[in-house]
Amino acid sequence: MRLRKNRWRNYITSDEAWIYITDTGRKRCVQYLSGEQKRSDAKPAIHVSNPKGVIVWVAVSANGVSRPLFIEPGAKINAIYYQTRVLEPFFKKDAQRLYPNQHLVFHQDSAPSHKAKTTLQWLRDHNIAFVTPEEWTPSSPDAAPCDYFLWGYLKAKLNKRAPRSIGGLKRP
């Protein structure tokens, strides 16, 4: 069993989601969408055409949370983009901060850029232990804490702050 005897502490799971700032005049409503959802799935309390939004990527583990990585507006998140703009910065900084001994097992969902052969080879080439696509448990709340906790928590925090712009959303 991979998770017994506190081995679960070595797992770090990642996910990305759209975070929207819906300007409704005096009220603001920040919304998020998981990687599997479409922008049209967002159901704002008050409809706003062309809401401002950004894709945010984070990783969560027993040792803490990574810094959020913001996907460039209009970027196509293919395997190369994911490897160079998400995985490389994450493993150079946050993974080392969260796991200085480098005893980690990386978990990601089944987004096309995550399960791409080149991405899996990138992880192998960098000697990163990871959960293979065959091992992923689809729709399991235990395997996707970002979908079942983090994004909702982040949305609640952002709604209290009421950011007015993408820049304000990105500020700590």
N, C-alpha and C. Protein backbone atom coordinates (compact mmCIF):
# COMPACT_ATOMS: atom_id res chain seq x y z
N MET A 1 0.85 -1.19 0.00
CA MET A 1 0.00 0.00 0.00
C MET A 1 0.89 1.25 0.00
N ARG A 2 0.62 2.12 -0.95
CA ARG A 2 1.45 3.31 -1.10
C ARG A 2 1.22 4.34 0.00
N LEU A 3 0.05 4.32 0.65
CA LEU A 3 -0.30 5.38 1.58
C LEU A 3 -0.19 5.00 3.05
N ARG A 4 0.16 3.79 3.38
CA ARG A 4 0.19 3.38 4.79
C ARG A 4 1.45 3.91 5.47
N LYS A 5 1.42 3.86 6.79
CA LYS A 5 2.54 4.28 7.64
C LYS A 5 3.03 5.70 7.31
N ASN A 6 2.10 6.61 7.23
CA ASN A 6 2.39 8.03 7.00
C ASN A 6 3.01 8.35 5.63
N ARG A 7 2.99 7.41 4.71
CA ARG A 7 3.51 7.70 3.36
C ARG A 7 2.64 8.74 2.65
N TRP A 8 1.38 8.85 3.08
CA TRP A 8 0.49 9.84 2.50
C TRP A 8 1.06 11.25 2.65
N ARG A 9 1.90 11.46 3.65
CA ARG A 9 2.50 12.78 3.86
C ARG A 9 3.43 13.19 2.72
N ASN A 10 3.88 12.22 1.94
CA ASN A 10 4.80 12.52 0.83
C ASN A 10 4.08 12.94 -0.44
N TYR A 11 2.76 12.83 -0.45
CA TYR A 11 2.00 13.13 -1.66
C TYR A 11 1.72 14.62 -1.76
N ILE A 12 1.87 15.11 -2.96
CA ILE A 12 1.53 16.50 -3.25
C ILE A 12 0.62 16.47 -4.49
N THR A 13 -0.55 17.06 -4.37
CA THR A 13 -1.53 17.03 -5.46
C THR A 13 -1.71 18.43 -6.02
N SER A 14 -1.92 18.49 -7.32
CA SER A 14 -2.01 19.79 -7.99
C SER A 14 -3.29 19.88 -8.80
N ASP A 15 -3.67 21.11 -9.09
CA ASP A 15 -4.85 21.35 -9.91
C ASP A 15 -4.84 22.79 -10.38
N GLU A 16 -5.61 23.06 -11.41
CA GLU A 16 -5.78 24.42 -11.89
C GLU A 16 -7.27 24.69 -12.03
N ALA A 17 -7.61 25.96 -11.96
CA ALA A 17 -9.01 26.35 -12.08
C ALA A 17 -9.09 27.79 -12.58
N TRP A 18 -10.18 28.08 -13.25
CA TRP A 18 -10.48 29.45 -13.61
C TRP A 18 -10.99 30.17 -12.37
N ILE A 19 -10.48 31.34 -12.11
CA ILE A 19 -10.99 32.22 -11.06
C ILE A 19 -11.53 33.45 -11.78
N TYR A 20 -12.80 33.73 -11.56
CA TYR A 20 -13.44 34.86 -12.23
C TYR A 20 -13.75 35.97 -11.24
N ILE A 21 -13.59 37.18 -11.73
CA ILE A 21 -14.04 38.36 -10.98
C ILE A 21 -15.26 38.86 -11.73
N THR A 22 -16.39 38.75 -11.12
CA THR A 22 -17.62 39.18 -11.75
C THR A 22 -18.00 40.52 -11.15
N ASP A 23 -17.84 41.56 -11.92
CA ASP A 23 -18.15 42.91 -11.45
C ASP A 23 -19.66 43.12 -11.57
N THR A 24 -20.30 43.29 -10.44
CA THR A 24 -21.75 43.47 -10.41
C THR A 24 -22.13 44.81 -9.79
N GLY A 25 -21.28 45.79 -10.01
CA GLY A 25 -21.56 47.10 -9.42
C GLY A 25 -21.06 47.15 -8.00
N ARG A 26 -21.95 47.05 -7.03
CA ARG A 26 -21.54 47.13 -5.63
C ARG A 26 -21.14 45.78 -5.06
N LYS A 27 -21.57 44.70 -5.68
CA LYS A 27 -21.23 43.37 -5.18
C LYS A 27 -20.25 42.72 -6.14
N ARG A 28 -19.37 41.90 -5.60
CA ARG A 28 -18.44 41.14 -6.42
C ARG A 28 -18.61 39.67 -6.08
N CYS A 29 -18.47 38.87 -7.09
CA CYS A 29 -18.61 37.43 -6.89
C CYS A 29 -17.47 36.74 -7.63
N VAL A 30 -16.51 36.16 -6.90
CA VAL A 30 -15.41 35.43 -7.50
C VAL A 30 -15.87 33.99 -7.68
N GLN A 31 -15.66 33.46 -8.86
CA GLN A 31 -16.07 32.09 -9.13
C GLN A 31 -14.86 31.30 -9.60
N TYR A 32 -14.94 29.99 -9.49
CA TYR A 32 -13.88 29.13 -9.97
C TYR A 32 -14.48 27.98 -10.76
N LEU A 33 -13.66 27.44 -11.66
CA LEU A 33 -14.04 26.26 -12.42
C LEU A 33 -12.87 25.30 -12.37
N SER A 34 -13.15 24.03 -12.16
CA SER A 34 -12.08 23.03 -12.18
C SER A 34 -11.66 22.80 -13.63
N GLY A 35 -10.56 22.11 -13.82
CA GLY A 35 -10.03 21.88 -15.15
C GLY A 35 -10.98 21.17 -16.09
N GLU A 36 -11.89 20.38 -15.56
CA GLU A 36 -12.81 19.62 -16.39
C GLU A 36 -14.02 20.45 -16.82
N GLN A 37 -14.29 21.56 -16.15
CA GLN A 37 -15.46 22.36 -16.44
C GLN A 37 -15.16 23.37 -17.54
N LYS A 38 -16.22 23.85 -18.16
CA LYS A 38 -16.10 24.87 -19.19
C LYS A 38 -16.52 26.21 -18.62
N ARG A 39 -16.04 27.26 -19.26
CA ARG A 39 -16.38 28.61 -18.82
C ARG A 39 -17.89 28.80 -18.76
N SER A 40 -18.60 28.15 -19.68
CA SER A 40 -20.06 28.28 -19.72
C SER A 40 -20.72 27.62 -18.51
N ASP A 41 -19.96 26.78 -17.75
CA ASP A 41 -20.52 26.14 -16.56
C ASP A 41 -20.65 27.10 -15.38
N ALA A 42 -19.97 28.24 -15.43
CA ALA A 42 -20.03 29.21 -14.33
C ALA A 42 -21.44 29.77 -14.25
N LYS A 43 -21.97 29.85 -13.04
CA LYS A 43 -23.32 30.38 -12.85
C LYS A 43 -23.24 31.55 -11.87
N PRO A 44 -22.88 32.73 -12.38
CA PRO A 44 -22.80 33.88 -11.48
C PRO A 44 -24.16 34.28 -10.94
N ALA A 45 -24.14 34.87 -9.76
CA ALA A 45 -25.38 35.33 -9.13
C ALA A 45 -26.05 36.38 -10.01
N ILE A 46 -25.25 37.22 -10.62
CA ILE A 46 -25.75 38.23 -11.54
C ILE A 46 -24.95 38.06 -12.82
N HIS A 47 -25.60 37.93 -13.95
CA HIS A 47 -24.90 37.69 -15.21
C HIS A 47 -24.10 38.91 -15.64
N VAL A 48 -22.86 38.67 -16.00
CA VAL A 48 -21.99 39.71 -16.52
C VAL A 48 -21.37 39.18 -17.79
N SER A 49 -21.54 39.90 -18.89
CA SER A 49 -20.92 39.48 -20.15
C SER A 49 -19.41 39.65 -20.05
N ASN A 50 -18.68 38.70 -20.58
CA ASN A 50 -17.21 38.75 -20.62
C ASN A 50 -16.58 39.01 -19.25
N PRO A 51 -16.79 38.12 -18.28
CA PRO A 51 -16.19 38.35 -16.96
C PRO A 51 -14.67 38.26 -17.04
N LYS A 52 -14.01 39.02 -16.15
CA LYS A 52 -12.56 38.98 -16.07
C LYS A 52 -12.17 37.72 -15.30
N GLY A 53 -11.15 37.04 -15.79
CA GLY A 53 -10.74 35.83 -15.09
C GLY A 53 -9.31 35.43 -15.44
N VAL A 54 -8.82 34.48 -14.67
CA VAL A 54 -7.46 33.98 -14.86
C VAL A 54 -7.42 32.52 -14.42
N ILE A 55 -6.57 31.72 -15.05
CA ILE A 55 -6.37 30.34 -14.62
C ILE A 55 -5.26 30.33 -13.58
N VAL A 56 -5.54 29.67 -12.46
CA VAL A 56 -4.58 29.57 -11.35
C VAL A 56 -4.24 28.10 -11.14
N TRP A 57 -2.95 27.80 -10.95
CA TRP A 57 -2.48 26.44 -10.66
C TRP A 57 -1.86 26.44 -9.27
N VAL A 58 -2.20 25.44 -8.45
CA VAL A 58 -1.60 25.28 -7.12
C VAL A 58 -1.36 23.81 -6.84
N ALA A 59 -0.51 23.57 -5.86
CA ALA A 59 -0.26 22.22 -5.36
C ALA A 59 -0.44 22.24 -3.85
N VAL A 60 -1.02 21.17 -3.31
CA VAL A 60 -1.33 21.07 -1.89
C VAL A 60 -0.75 19.78 -1.34
N SER A 61 -0.18 19.86 -0.12
CA SER A 61 0.35 18.66 0.52
C SER A 61 0.23 18.81 2.04
N ALA A 62 0.62 17.77 2.74
CA ALA A 62 0.63 17.81 4.20
C ALA A 62 1.63 18.86 4.70
N ASN A 63 2.60 19.21 3.88
CA ASN A 63 3.63 20.19 4.26
C ASN A 63 3.27 21.62 3.89
N GLY A 64 2.15 21.81 3.22
CA GLY A 64 1.74 23.17 2.88
C GLY A 64 1.23 23.29 1.46
N VAL A 65 1.07 24.54 1.04
CA VAL A 65 0.52 24.87 -0.27
C VAL A 65 1.59 25.61 -1.07
N SER A 66 1.63 25.35 -2.37
CA SER A 66 2.57 26.06 -3.23
C SER A 66 2.09 27.50 -3.43
N ARG A 67 2.95 28.31 -3.95
CA ARG A 67 2.51 29.64 -4.36
C ARG A 67 1.68 29.46 -5.62
N PRO A 68 0.67 30.28 -5.83
CA PRO A 68 -0.15 30.11 -7.02
C PRO A 68 0.64 30.50 -8.28
N LEU A 69 0.47 29.73 -9.33
CA LEU A 69 1.05 30.08 -10.63
C LEU A 69 -0.11 30.50 -11.52
N PHE A 70 0.03 31.67 -12.13
CA PHE A 70 -1.03 32.21 -12.98
C PHE A 70 -0.69 31.94 -14.44
N ILE A 71 -1.63 31.37 -15.15
CA ILE A 71 -1.45 31.06 -16.56
C ILE A 71 -1.64 32.34 -17.36
N GLU A 72 -0.76 32.56 -18.33
CA GLU A 72 -0.83 33.77 -19.13
C GLU A 72 -2.16 33.85 -19.88
N PRO A 73 -2.78 35.03 -19.93
CA PRO A 73 -4.05 35.16 -20.66
C PRO A 73 -3.90 34.72 -22.11
N GLY A 74 -4.83 33.91 -22.56
CA GLY A 74 -4.82 33.44 -23.94
C GLY A 74 -3.88 32.28 -24.22
N ALA A 75 -3.14 31.83 -23.22
CA ALA A 75 -2.19 30.73 -23.44
C ALA A 75 -2.92 29.42 -23.66
N LYS A 76 -2.40 28.62 -24.56
CA LYS A 76 -2.92 27.27 -24.75
C LYS A 76 -2.09 26.36 -23.86
N ILE A 77 -2.73 25.71 -22.92
CA ILE A 77 -2.00 24.89 -21.96
C ILE A 77 -1.77 23.50 -22.57
N ASN A 78 -0.79 23.42 -23.46
CA ASN A 78 -0.42 22.14 -24.01
C ASN A 78 0.70 21.55 -23.13
N ALA A 79 1.20 20.40 -23.50
CA ALA A 79 2.21 19.72 -22.68
C ALA A 79 3.47 20.56 -22.51
N ILE A 80 3.94 21.20 -23.57
CA ILE A 80 5.17 22.00 -23.48
C ILE A 80 4.97 23.20 -22.55
N TYR A 81 3.85 23.90 -22.71
CA TYR A 81 3.57 25.03 -21.82
C TYR A 81 3.51 24.55 -20.37
N TYR A 82 2.81 23.47 -20.13
CA TYR A 82 2.66 22.93 -18.77
C TYR A 82 4.02 22.56 -18.17
N GLN A 83 4.86 21.95 -18.96
CA GLN A 83 6.18 21.54 -18.47
C GLN A 83 7.08 22.75 -18.17
N THR A 84 7.12 23.73 -19.08
CA THR A 84 8.05 24.85 -18.93
C THR A 84 7.53 25.97 -18.03
N ARG A 85 6.21 26.20 -18.03
CA ARG A 85 5.66 27.34 -17.28
C ARG A 85 5.02 26.98 -15.95
N VAL A 86 4.80 25.68 -15.75
CA VAL A 86 4.18 25.25 -14.49
C VAL A 86 5.10 24.30 -13.74
N LEU A 87 5.42 23.16 -14.35
CA LEU A 87 6.21 22.15 -13.63
C LEU A 87 7.62 22.63 -13.30
N GLU A 88 8.33 23.20 -14.27
CA GLU A 88 9.71 23.66 -13.99
C GLU A 88 9.76 24.67 -12.85
N PRO A 89 8.96 25.75 -12.90
CA PRO A 89 9.01 26.71 -11.78
C PRO A 89 8.60 26.07 -10.45
N PHE A 90 7.59 25.21 -10.49
CA PHE A 90 7.14 24.57 -9.25
C PHE A 90 8.24 23.69 -8.66
N PHE A 91 8.83 22.84 -9.45
CA PHE A 91 9.83 21.92 -8.90
C PHE A 91 11.15 22.61 -8.56
N LYS A 92 11.43 23.77 -9.15
CA LYS A 92 12.64 24.52 -8.79
C LYS A 92 12.49 25.25 -7.46
N LYS A 93 11.28 25.69 -7.15
CA LYS A 93 11.09 26.51 -5.94
C LYS A 93 10.23 25.82 -4.89
N ASP A 94 8.94 25.75 -5.14
CA ASP A 94 8.01 25.30 -4.11
C ASP A 94 8.19 23.85 -3.70
N ALA A 95 8.45 22.97 -4.63
CA ALA A 95 8.62 21.55 -4.27
C ALA A 95 9.82 21.41 -3.33
N GLN A 96 10.89 22.14 -3.60
CA GLN A 96 12.07 22.08 -2.72
C GLN A 96 11.78 22.68 -1.36
N ARG A 97 10.95 23.73 -1.32
CA ARG A 97 10.59 24.34 -0.03
C ARG A 97 9.70 23.39 0.77
N LEU A 98 8.73 22.75 0.11
CA LEU A 98 7.80 21.87 0.80
C LEU A 98 8.43 20.51 1.14
N TYR A 99 9.32 20.05 0.29
CA TYR A 99 9.97 18.74 0.48
C TYR A 99 11.47 18.87 0.26
N PRO A 100 12.20 19.46 1.23
CA PRO A 100 13.64 19.65 1.04
C PRO A 100 14.39 18.33 0.85
N ASN A 101 13.87 17.24 1.40
CA ASN A 101 14.53 15.94 1.24
C ASN A 101 14.16 15.29 -0.09
N GLN A 102 13.28 15.92 -0.87
CA GLN A 102 12.81 15.48 -2.18
C GLN A 102 12.09 14.13 -2.15
N HIS A 103 11.58 13.73 -0.99
CA HIS A 103 10.79 12.51 -0.89
C HIS A 103 9.32 12.87 -1.10
N LEU A 104 8.95 13.04 -2.36
CA LEU A 104 7.57 13.39 -2.65
C LEU A 104 7.05 12.52 -3.78
N VAL A 105 5.74 12.41 -3.82
CA VAL A 105 5.05 11.72 -4.91
C VAL A 105 4.06 12.74 -5.47
N PHE A 106 4.22 13.06 -6.74
CA PHE A 106 3.43 14.10 -7.39
C PHE A 106 2.15 13.50 -7.97
N HIS A 107 1.02 14.17 -7.70
CA HIS A 107 -0.28 13.75 -8.22
C HIS A 107 -0.90 14.91 -9.00
N GLN A 108 -1.43 14.59 -10.15
CA GLN A 108 -2.13 15.57 -10.97
C GLN A 108 -3.36 14.90 -11.56
N ASP A 109 -4.27 15.69 -12.10
CA ASP A 109 -5.47 15.08 -12.67
C ASP A 109 -5.21 14.64 -14.11
N SER A 110 -6.26 14.29 -14.80
CA SER A 110 -6.09 13.72 -16.14
C SER A 110 -6.30 14.73 -17.27
N ALA A 111 -5.97 15.99 -17.01
CA ALA A 111 -6.02 16.99 -18.08
C ALA A 111 -5.08 16.55 -19.20
N PRO A 112 -5.40 16.86 -20.45
CA PRO A 112 -4.56 16.40 -21.56
C PRO A 112 -3.08 16.75 -21.41
N SER A 113 -2.76 17.95 -20.94
CA SER A 113 -1.34 18.32 -20.79
C SER A 113 -0.67 17.56 -19.65
N HIS A 114 -1.45 17.06 -18.70
CA HIS A 114 -0.90 16.31 -17.56
C HIS A 114 -0.59 14.87 -17.95
N LYS A 115 -1.46 14.27 -18.74
CA LYS A 115 -1.27 12.86 -19.08
C LYS A 115 -0.54 12.66 -20.41
N ALA A 116 -0.10 13.76 -21.02
CA ALA A 116 0.66 13.66 -22.27
C ALA A 116 1.92 12.83 -22.06
N LYS A 117 2.27 12.04 -23.05
CA LYS A 117 3.47 11.19 -22.95
C LYS A 117 4.71 12.02 -22.65
N THR A 118 4.80 13.21 -23.26
CA THR A 118 5.99 14.04 -23.03
C THR A 118 6.04 14.58 -21.60
N THR A 119 4.88 14.84 -21.01
CA THR A 119 4.85 15.30 -19.61
C THR A 119 5.27 14.17 -18.68
N LEU A 120 4.75 12.98 -18.91
CA LEU A 120 5.13 11.84 -18.06
C LEU A 120 6.62 11.54 -18.22
N GLN A 121 7.14 11.69 -19.45
CA GLN A 121 8.58 11.48 -19.65
C GLN A 121 9.38 12.58 -18.97
N TRP A 122 8.87 13.81 -18.98
CA TRP A 122 9.54 14.93 -18.30
C TRP A 122 9.69 14.61 -16.82
N LEU A 123 8.62 14.11 -16.20
CA LEU A 123 8.67 13.75 -14.79
C LEU A 123 9.70 12.64 -14.55
N ARG A 124 9.72 11.63 -15.42
CA ARG A 124 10.72 10.56 -15.28
C ARG A 124 12.14 11.10 -15.44
N ASP A 125 12.35 11.95 -16.45
CA ASP A 125 13.68 12.51 -16.72
C ASP A 125 14.19 13.34 -15.55
N HIS A 126 13.27 13.93 -14.78
CA HIS A 126 13.65 14.75 -13.62
C HIS A 126 13.59 13.95 -12.31
N ASN A 127 13.46 12.64 -12.43
CA ASN A 127 13.44 11.73 -11.26
C ASN A 127 12.38 12.11 -10.24
N ILE A 128 11.21 12.45 -10.74
CA ILE A 128 10.10 12.82 -9.87
C ILE A 128 9.14 11.63 -9.80
N ALA A 129 8.93 11.13 -8.60
CA ALA A 129 7.95 10.06 -8.41
C ALA A 129 6.57 10.65 -8.64
N PHE A 130 5.73 9.93 -9.34
CA PHE A 130 4.39 10.46 -9.61
C PHE A 130 3.38 9.33 -9.70
N VAL A 131 2.12 9.71 -9.52
CA VAL A 131 1.02 8.78 -9.67
C VAL A 131 0.73 8.68 -11.16
N THR A 132 0.80 7.48 -11.71
CA THR A 132 0.60 7.29 -13.15
C THR A 132 -0.88 7.43 -13.50
N PRO A 133 -1.17 7.72 -14.77
CA PRO A 133 -2.59 7.83 -15.17
C PRO A 133 -3.39 6.57 -14.86
N GLU A 134 -2.77 5.41 -14.92
CA GLU A 134 -3.48 4.17 -14.62
C GLU A 134 -3.86 4.08 -13.15
N GLU A 135 -3.13 4.77 -12.30
CA GLU A 135 -3.39 4.74 -10.85
C GLU A 135 -4.37 5.81 -10.39
N TRP A 136 -4.68 6.79 -11.24
CA TRP A 136 -5.57 7.87 -10.84
C TRP A 136 -6.95 7.33 -10.53
N THR A 137 -7.53 7.85 -9.49
CA THR A 137 -8.89 7.49 -9.11
C THR A 137 -9.82 8.60 -9.58
N PRO A 138 -10.59 8.36 -10.64
CA PRO A 138 -11.45 9.44 -11.14
C PRO A 138 -12.56 9.80 -10.15
N SER A 139 -12.83 11.08 -10.05
CA SER A 139 -13.93 11.61 -9.23
C SER A 139 -13.84 11.23 -7.76
N SER A 140 -12.64 11.04 -7.23
CA SER A 140 -12.49 10.70 -5.82
C SER A 140 -12.16 11.95 -5.02
N PRO A 141 -12.94 12.29 -3.99
CA PRO A 141 -12.62 13.46 -3.18
C PRO A 141 -11.29 13.31 -2.46
N ASP A 142 -10.87 12.09 -2.16
CA ASP A 142 -9.59 11.89 -1.51
C ASP A 142 -8.43 12.21 -2.44
N ALA A 143 -8.65 12.05 -3.74
CA ALA A 143 -7.58 12.26 -4.71
C ALA A 143 -7.59 13.66 -5.30
N ALA A 144 -8.58 14.47 -5.00
CA ALA A 144 -8.68 15.80 -5.58
C ALA A 144 -9.05 16.84 -4.53
N PRO A 145 -8.19 17.05 -3.53
CA PRO A 145 -8.54 18.01 -2.48
C PRO A 145 -8.73 19.44 -2.99
N CYS A 146 -8.09 19.78 -4.09
CA CYS A 146 -8.29 21.13 -4.61
C CYS A 146 -9.74 21.34 -5.03
N ASP A 147 -10.31 20.35 -5.73
CA ASP A 147 -11.70 20.46 -6.17
C ASP A 147 -12.67 20.41 -5.00
N TYR A 148 -12.35 19.65 -3.98
CA TYR A 148 -13.30 19.42 -2.90
C TYR A 148 -13.08 20.32 -1.68
N PHE A 149 -12.00 21.11 -1.70
CA PHE A 149 -11.78 22.01 -0.58
C PHE A 149 -11.16 23.32 -1.02
N LEU A 150 -9.98 23.27 -1.60
CA LEU A 150 -9.16 24.48 -1.80
C LEU A 150 -9.86 25.55 -2.63
N TRP A 151 -10.43 25.18 -3.77
CA TRP A 151 -11.03 26.21 -4.62
C TRP A 151 -12.21 26.90 -3.94
N GLY A 152 -13.02 26.15 -3.22
CA GLY A 152 -14.13 26.77 -2.48
C GLY A 152 -13.65 27.69 -1.38
N TYR A 153 -12.61 27.26 -0.68
CA TYR A 153 -12.01 28.06 0.39
C TYR A 153 -11.43 29.35 -0.19
N LEU A 154 -10.69 29.22 -1.29
CA LEU A 154 -10.09 30.38 -1.94
C LEU A 154 -11.17 31.34 -2.42
N LYS A 155 -12.23 30.81 -2.99
CA LYS A 155 -13.34 31.65 -3.47
C LYS A 155 -13.95 32.45 -2.32
N ALA A 156 -14.15 31.80 -1.18
CA ALA A 156 -14.72 32.49 -0.02
C ALA A 156 -13.79 33.61 0.45
N LYS A 157 -12.49 33.34 0.50
CA LYS A 157 -11.52 34.36 0.93
C LYS A 157 -11.50 35.54 -0.05
N LEU A 158 -11.51 35.24 -1.34
CA LEU A 158 -11.48 36.30 -2.35
C LEU A 158 -12.75 37.13 -2.34
N ASN A 159 -13.88 36.51 -2.10
CA ASN A 159 -15.13 37.27 -2.03
C ASN A 159 -15.11 38.26 -0.87
N LYS A 160 -14.44 37.92 0.23
CA LYS A 160 -14.33 38.86 1.36
C LYS A 160 -13.43 40.03 0.99
N ARG A 161 -12.37 39.76 0.19
CA ARG A 161 -11.44 40.81 -0.22
C ARG A 161 -12.00 41.68 -1.32
N ALA A 162 -12.90 41.13 -2.13
CA ALA A 162 -13.52 41.83 -3.26
C ALA A 162 -12.51 42.48 -4.20
N PRO A 163 -11.62 41.70 -4.80
CA PRO A 163 -10.66 42.29 -5.75
C PRO A 163 -11.40 42.90 -6.94
N ARG A 164 -10.87 43.98 -7.45
CA ARG A 164 -11.52 44.69 -8.55
C ARG A 164 -10.85 44.44 -9.90
N SER A 165 -9.70 43.78 -9.86
CA SER A 165 -8.97 43.55 -11.10
C SER A 165 -8.20 42.23 -10.99
N ILE A 166 -7.67 41.77 -12.10
CA ILE A 166 -6.84 40.57 -12.10
C ILE A 166 -5.59 40.82 -11.25
N GLY A 167 -5.02 42.00 -11.35
CA GLY A 167 -3.87 42.36 -10.52
C GLY A 167 -4.21 42.27 -9.04
N GLY A 168 -5.38 42.76 -8.67
CA GLY A 168 -5.82 42.67 -7.28
C GLY A 168 -6.06 41.24 -6.85
N LEU A 169 -6.52 40.44 -7.77
CA LEU A 169 -6.73 39.01 -7.49
C LEU A 169 -5.41 38.32 -7.21
N LYS A 170 -4.36 38.70 -7.92
CA LYS A 170 -3.05 38.05 -7.78
C LYS A 170 -2.30 38.49 -6.52
N ARG A 171 -2.63 39.66 -6.00
CA ARG A 171 -1.93 40.14 -4.79
C ARG A 171 -2.23 39.26 -3.60
N PRO A 172 -1.20 39.00 -2.77
CA PRO A 172 -1.42 38.16 -1.57
C PRO A 172 -2.34 38.80 -0.56
